């Protein structure tokens, strides 16, 4: 077994252990039966609406990335790009010890459009940073309405212009063609985050998590930031821990908060499952195309 494969296995085991540890820790502080009771009494309609909103946000995220690529004359077909985006989501969740979703998309875009991987990697960074801008904007607005201890709350307004300066600098230096579409990309990023905020609000209402809109939003966005820490398996465990710990600190129902975190993780996993099928079909179509080319050349 080569060293690379060993590292991937160890990485997967470590992430699984960290996620399991986080879930065990938070469940040791709450009543599991209460969570089950919350799910049994939850509103199916509001959870379905939340799921639909999540899928909508993912489709818009795929369009945002496509607009970024179009700025460098990379023009993936829209439906194909949707499929690849869901494949990337599946890789992030179901193959935590292997190639990540963004890395996989870089490989596929590079192969299909003959673009250097380091250029595409920069696109992915800018795409992520546009999403970070939207998260910081929502956090800054919501924190104004909360008189609660929030980590680094006095610095969020500072993060927005600083991160925006970094984005503009990267674009001007490496991808000046994006400048004409940068505003559109940032608007789409804010739209994505707004839809996901609405998604979590519907989950909270459906499950019965009694908290202010600003509280739900801040907890969700901080949990989203926590899932980006690369020691969790697809972010599982991080979200639930943040929901539970902040609920305890803020005097809210920790069981209901963890239930919302679990519900969001669950619908995220469910919405990512089609990516496994799309991965198979995209690879099959590519193989069929290559075989056809070989047959033609012969």
Protein backbone atom coordinates (compact mmCIF):
# COMPACT_ATOMS: atom_id res chain seq x y z
CA UNK A 1 0.00 0.00 0.00
CA UNK A 2 1.50 3.34 -1.04
CA UNK A 3 2.02 6.18 1.43
CA UNK A 4 -0.64 8.37 -0.26
CA UNK A 5 -3.34 5.77 0.26
CA UNK A 6 -2.28 5.28 3.87
CA UNK A 7 -2.54 9.03 4.48
CA UNK A 8 -6.04 9.12 2.95
CA UNK A 9 -7.17 6.23 5.16
CA UNK A 10 -5.70 7.83 8.27
CA UNK A 11 -7.33 11.14 7.33
CA UNK A 12 -10.72 9.46 6.95
CA UNK A 13 -10.33 7.63 10.28
CA UNK A 14 -9.31 10.85 12.04
CA UNK A 15 -12.24 12.80 10.62
CA UNK A 16 -14.64 10.01 11.54
CA UNK A 17 -13.27 9.97 15.09
CA UNK A 18 -13.53 13.76 15.48
CA UNK A 19 -17.09 13.83 14.13
CA UNK A 20 -18.12 10.90 16.32
CA UNK A 21 -16.49 12.52 19.34
CA UNK A 22 -18.28 15.82 18.75
CA UNK A 23 -21.64 14.09 18.37
CA UNK A 24 -21.04 11.94 21.46
CA UNK A 25 -20.07 15.01 23.50
CA UNK A 26 -23.13 17.04 22.57
CA UNK A 27 -25.51 14.07 22.97
CA UNK A 28 -24.10 13.43 26.45
CA UNK A 29 -25.47 16.84 27.47
CA UNK A 30 -29.00 16.51 26.09
CA UNK A 31 -32.00 14.19 26.37
CA UNK A 32 -32.01 11.97 23.26
CA UNK A 33 -35.62 10.94 23.79
CA UNK A 34 -36.63 14.60 23.66
CA UNK A 35 -34.99 14.96 20.24
CA UNK A 36 -36.86 11.91 18.97
CA UNK A 37 -40.11 13.35 20.31
CA UNK A 38 -39.40 16.67 18.53
CA UNK A 39 -38.91 14.88 15.22
CA UNK A 40 -42.10 12.87 15.70
CA UNK A 41 -44.10 16.04 16.34
CA UNK A 42 -42.38 18.10 13.62
CA UNK A 43 -44.23 19.64 10.68
CA UNK A 44 -43.57 17.62 7.53
CA UNK A 45 -44.65 20.53 5.30
CA UNK A 46 -42.12 22.97 6.73
CA UNK A 47 -39.33 20.39 6.53
CA UNK A 48 -40.18 19.70 2.87
CA UNK A 49 -40.10 23.44 2.18
CA UNK A 50 -36.71 23.63 3.89
CA UNK A 51 -35.41 20.79 1.73
CA UNK A 52 -36.65 22.50 -1.44
CA UNK A 53 -34.97 25.76 -0.41
CA UNK A 54 -31.68 23.96 0.24
CA UNK A 55 -31.72 22.36 -3.22
CA UNK A 56 -32.55 25.75 -4.76
CA UNK A 57 -29.56 27.31 -2.98
CA UNK A 58 -27.31 24.56 -4.32
CA UNK A 59 -28.47 25.14 -7.89
CA UNK A 60 -27.81 28.87 -7.55
CA UNK A 61 -24.36 28.08 -6.12
CA UNK A 62 -23.64 26.02 -9.24
CA UNK A 63 -24.76 28.93 -11.42
CA UNK A 64 -22.50 31.29 -9.46
CA UNK A 65 -19.50 29.11 -10.21
CA UNK A 66 -20.52 28.86 -13.87
CA UNK A 67 -20.59 32.67 -14.13
CA UNK A 68 -17.11 32.77 -12.63
CA UNK A 69 -15.90 30.30 -15.25
CA UNK A 70 -17.63 32.17 -18.07
CA UNK A 71 -15.50 35.20 -17.25
CA UNK A 72 -12.47 33.23 -18.48
CA UNK A 73 -14.22 31.86 -21.56
CA UNK A 74 -14.96 28.54 -19.90
CA UNK A 75 -18.53 27.69 -20.79
CA UNK A 76 -19.81 24.45 -19.25
CA UNK A 77 -23.31 23.41 -20.25
CA UNK A 78 -25.75 24.34 -17.51
CA UNK A 79 -27.29 20.95 -16.70
CA UNK A 80 -23.87 19.26 -16.91
CA UNK A 81 -22.54 21.86 -14.49
CA UNK A 82 -25.41 21.18 -12.07
CA UNK A 83 -24.55 17.48 -12.13
CA UNK A 84 -20.85 18.14 -11.53
CA UNK A 85 -21.71 20.44 -8.62
CA UNK A 86 -23.75 17.69 -6.95
CA UNK A 87 -20.93 15.22 -7.60
CA UNK A 88 -18.61 17.61 -5.72
CA UNK A 89 -21.07 17.72 -2.81
CA UNK A 90 -21.16 13.91 -2.72
CA UNK A 91 -17.36 13.72 -2.72
CA UNK A 92 -17.18 16.14 0.21
CA UNK A 93 -19.64 14.07 2.26
CA UNK A 94 -19.06 10.48 1.25
CA UNK A 95 -15.35 10.43 0.39
CA UNK A 96 -13.85 12.47 3.24
CA UNK A 97 -10.48 10.74 3.10
CA UNK A 98 -10.08 11.03 -0.64
CA UNK A 99 -10.23 13.82 -3.17
CA UNK A 100 -12.41 16.75 -2.06
CA UNK A 101 -15.34 18.08 -4.05
CA UNK A 102 -13.58 21.27 -5.15
CA UNK A 103 -10.43 19.37 -6.11
CA UNK A 104 -12.49 16.92 -8.15
CA UNK A 105 -14.25 19.74 -10.00
CA UNK A 106 -10.85 21.33 -10.75
CA UNK A 107 -9.70 18.04 -12.31
CA UNK A 108 -12.86 17.67 -14.42
CA UNK A 109 -12.93 21.30 -15.61
CA UNK A 110 -9.23 21.13 -16.45
CA UNK A 111 -9.69 17.92 -18.43
CA UNK A 112 -12.78 19.09 -20.31
CA UNK A 113 -11.76 22.67 -21.07
CA UNK A 114 -7.97 22.42 -21.22
CA UNK A 115 -7.41 24.95 -18.43
CA UNK A 116 -4.52 24.87 -15.97
CA UNK A 117 -5.48 23.45 -12.60
CA UNK A 118 -3.89 26.30 -10.63
CA UNK A 119 -6.11 28.79 -12.48
CA UNK A 120 -9.21 26.75 -11.67
CA UNK A 121 -8.09 26.40 -8.05
CA UNK A 122 -8.05 30.19 -7.83
CA UNK A 123 -11.61 30.26 -9.17
CA UNK A 124 -12.65 27.90 -6.39
CA UNK A 125 -11.00 30.13 -3.78
CA UNK A 126 -12.82 33.20 -5.08
CA UNK A 127 -16.09 31.25 -5.18
CA UNK A 128 -15.60 30.28 -1.53
CA UNK A 129 -14.66 33.83 -0.55
CA UNK A 130 -17.82 35.22 -2.16
CA UNK A 131 -19.79 32.85 0.04
CA UNK A 132 -17.81 34.02 3.07
CA UNK A 133 -18.72 37.62 2.24
CA UNK A 134 -22.41 36.70 2.35
CA UNK A 135 -22.02 34.89 5.68
CA UNK A 136 -20.23 37.87 7.25
CA UNK A 137 -22.88 40.26 5.93
CA UNK A 138 -25.71 38.23 7.49
CA UNK A 139 -23.82 37.81 10.76
CA UNK A 140 -23.12 41.53 11.03
CA UNK A 141 -26.77 42.46 10.51
CA UNK A 142 -28.13 39.84 12.92
CA UNK A 143 -25.64 40.49 15.70
CA UNK A 144 -26.84 44.11 15.86
CA UNK A 145 -30.18 42.77 17.14
CA UNK A 146 -28.69 40.44 19.74
CA UNK A 147 -27.47 41.34 23.20
CA UNK A 148 -25.68 38.07 23.60
CA UNK A 149 -22.02 37.01 23.77
CA UNK A 150 -20.95 36.14 20.23
CA UNK A 151 -17.30 35.31 19.45
CA UNK A 152 -15.53 38.25 17.75
CA UNK A 153 -18.85 40.08 17.34
CA UNK A 154 -17.16 43.48 17.32
CA UNK A 155 -14.95 42.44 14.39
CA UNK A 156 -17.48 41.14 11.88
CA UNK A 157 -18.01 44.55 10.28
CA UNK A 158 -14.24 44.80 9.85
CA UNK A 159 -14.02 41.37 8.23
CA UNK A 160 -16.41 42.36 5.42
CA UNK A 161 -14.35 45.17 3.83
CA UNK A 162 -11.06 43.37 4.50
CA UNK A 163 -12.20 40.15 2.83
CA UNK A 164 -13.74 42.14 -0.04
CA UNK A 165 -10.41 43.91 -0.56
CA UNK A 166 -8.67 40.53 -0.75
CA UNK A 167 -11.21 39.26 -3.31
CA UNK A 168 -10.85 42.36 -5.51
CA UNK A 169 -7.05 42.20 -5.25
CA UNK A 170 -7.00 38.54 -6.34
CA UNK A 171 -9.38 39.24 -9.21
CA UNK A 172 -7.48 42.31 -10.46
CA UNK A 173 -4.12 40.55 -10.26
CA UNK A 174 -4.97 37.10 -11.60
CA UNK A 175 -8.39 37.22 -13.31
CA UNK A 176 -9.16 40.83 -14.39
CA UNK A 177 -11.81 39.55 -16.80
CA UNK A 178 -13.96 38.70 -13.77
CA UNK A 179 -14.28 42.31 -12.65
CA UNK A 180 -17.29 42.89 -14.90
CA UNK A 181 -19.15 39.97 -13.29
CA UNK A 182 -17.85 40.27 -9.73
CA UNK A 183 -20.86 42.25 -8.51
CA UNK A 184 -23.22 39.65 -9.97
CA UNK A 185 -21.27 36.84 -8.29
CA UNK A 186 -21.45 38.57 -4.89
CA UNK A 187 -25.19 39.15 -5.29
CA UNK A 188 -25.71 35.46 -6.08
CA UNK A 189 -23.62 34.53 -3.04
CA UNK A 190 -25.84 36.70 -0.84
CA UNK A 191 -28.90 35.13 -2.45
CA UNK A 192 -27.60 31.63 -1.72
CA UNK A 193 -26.95 32.45 1.92
CA UNK A 194 -30.33 34.17 2.29
CA UNK A 195 -32.12 31.10 0.93
CA UNK A 196 -30.21 28.84 3.31
CA UNK A 197 -31.09 31.12 6.22
CA UNK A 198 -34.75 30.78 5.20
CA UNK A 199 -34.24 27.01 4.96
CA UNK A 200 -32.99 26.79 8.55
CA UNK A 201 -35.75 29.10 9.77
CA UNK A 202 -38.36 26.72 8.30
CA UNK A 203 -36.59 23.79 9.97
CA UNK A 204 -36.63 25.63 13.29
CA UNK A 205 -40.34 26.42 12.94
CA UNK A 206 -41.17 22.87 11.86
CA UNK A 207 -39.24 21.26 14.72
CA UNK A 208 -40.38 23.74 17.35
CA UNK A 209 -37.11 25.49 18.17
CA UNK A 210 -38.33 28.60 19.98
CA UNK A 211 -35.76 31.28 19.26
CA UNK A 212 -35.62 34.67 17.59
CA UNK A 213 -34.90 34.81 13.86
CA UNK A 214 -31.57 36.55 14.54
CA UNK A 215 -30.59 33.88 17.06
CA UNK A 216 -31.36 31.02 14.68
CA UNK A 217 -29.48 32.78 11.89
CA UNK A 218 -26.35 33.50 13.93
CA UNK A 219 -26.21 29.95 15.32
CA UNK A 220 -26.62 28.50 11.83
CA UNK A 221 -23.99 30.75 10.22
CA UNK A 222 -21.44 30.11 12.96
CA UNK A 223 -22.09 26.39 12.57
CA UNK A 224 -21.52 26.76 8.82
CA UNK A 225 -18.14 28.34 9.51
CA UNK A 226 -17.35 25.47 11.90
CA UNK A 227 -18.05 22.86 9.20
CA UNK A 228 -15.28 24.35 7.05
CA UNK A 229 -12.68 23.21 9.61
CA UNK A 230 -11.07 20.25 7.81
CA UNK A 231 -11.07 17.84 10.77
CA UNK A 232 -14.73 16.80 10.53
CA UNK A 233 -16.25 14.24 8.18
CA UNK A 234 -18.20 16.42 5.78
CA UNK A 235 -18.79 18.87 8.63
CA UNK A 236 -20.85 16.29 10.52
CA UNK A 237 -20.62 16.85 14.25
CA UNK A 238 -19.40 20.43 13.96
CA UNK A 239 -22.83 21.83 13.12
CA UNK A 240 -24.62 19.91 15.85
CA UNK A 241 -22.01 20.90 18.44
CA UNK A 242 -22.31 24.61 17.63
CA UNK A 243 -26.12 24.46 17.70
CA UNK A 244 -26.11 22.69 21.05
CA UNK A 245 -23.38 24.69 22.79
CA UNK A 246 -24.69 28.12 21.73
CA UNK A 247 -28.23 27.14 22.71
CA UNK A 248 -26.95 26.23 26.19
CA UNK A 249 -25.01 29.50 26.47
CA UNK A 250 -28.01 31.54 25.32
CA UNK A 251 -30.60 29.81 27.51
CA UNK A 252 -32.42 28.16 24.61
CA UNK A 253 -33.60 24.57 24.28
CA UNK A 254 -30.45 22.61 23.51
CA UNK A 255 -32.44 19.55 22.42
CA UNK A 256 -34.45 21.55 19.89
CA UNK A 257 -31.31 23.34 18.68
CA UNK A 258 -29.44 20.06 18.12
CA UNK A 259 -32.52 18.67 16.36
CA UNK A 260 -32.39 21.58 13.90
CA UNK A 261 -28.67 20.99 13.33
CA UNK A 262 -29.29 17.29 12.75
CA UNK A 263 -32.17 18.03 10.40
CA UNK A 264 -30.04 20.40 8.30
CA UNK A 265 -27.23 17.83 8.15
CA UNK A 266 -29.76 15.16 7.15
CA UNK A 267 -31.31 17.12 4.28
CA UNK A 268 -27.82 18.11 3.12
CA UNK A 269 -26.82 14.44 2.95
CA UNK A 270 -30.07 13.51 1.17
CA UNK A 271 -29.63 16.31 -1.39
CA UNK A 272 -26.07 15.10 -2.04
CA UNK A 273 -27.01 11.48 -2.78
CA UNK A 274 -27.91 12.20 -6.46
CA UNK A 275 -24.27 13.26 -6.87
CA UNK A 276 -23.26 9.59 -6.56
CA UNK A 277 -25.52 8.70 -9.50
CA UNK A 278 -24.36 11.71 -11.53
CA UNK A 279 -20.75 10.70 -10.89
CA UNK A 280 -21.45 7.28 -12.37
CA UNK A 281 -23.30 8.67 -15.42
CA UNK A 282 -20.67 11.34 -16.15
CA UNK A 283 -17.87 8.78 -15.97
CA UNK A 284 -19.86 6.32 -18.10
CA UNK A 285 -20.59 8.96 -20.75
CA UNK A 286 -16.91 9.92 -20.84
CA UNK A 287 -15.87 6.27 -21.21
CA UNK A 288 -18.45 5.71 -23.97
CA UNK A 289 -17.20 8.85 -25.76
CA UNK A 290 -13.57 7.71 -25.55
CA UNK A 291 -14.47 4.25 -26.86
CA UNK A 292 -16.38 5.83 -29.74
CA UNK A 293 -13.38 7.99 -30.63
CA UNK A 294 -11.10 4.94 -30.62
CA UNK A 295 -13.52 3.01 -32.84
CA UNK A 296 -13.74 5.93 -35.26
CA UNK A 297 -9.97 6.30 -35.48
CA UNK A 298 -9.65 2.62 -36.31
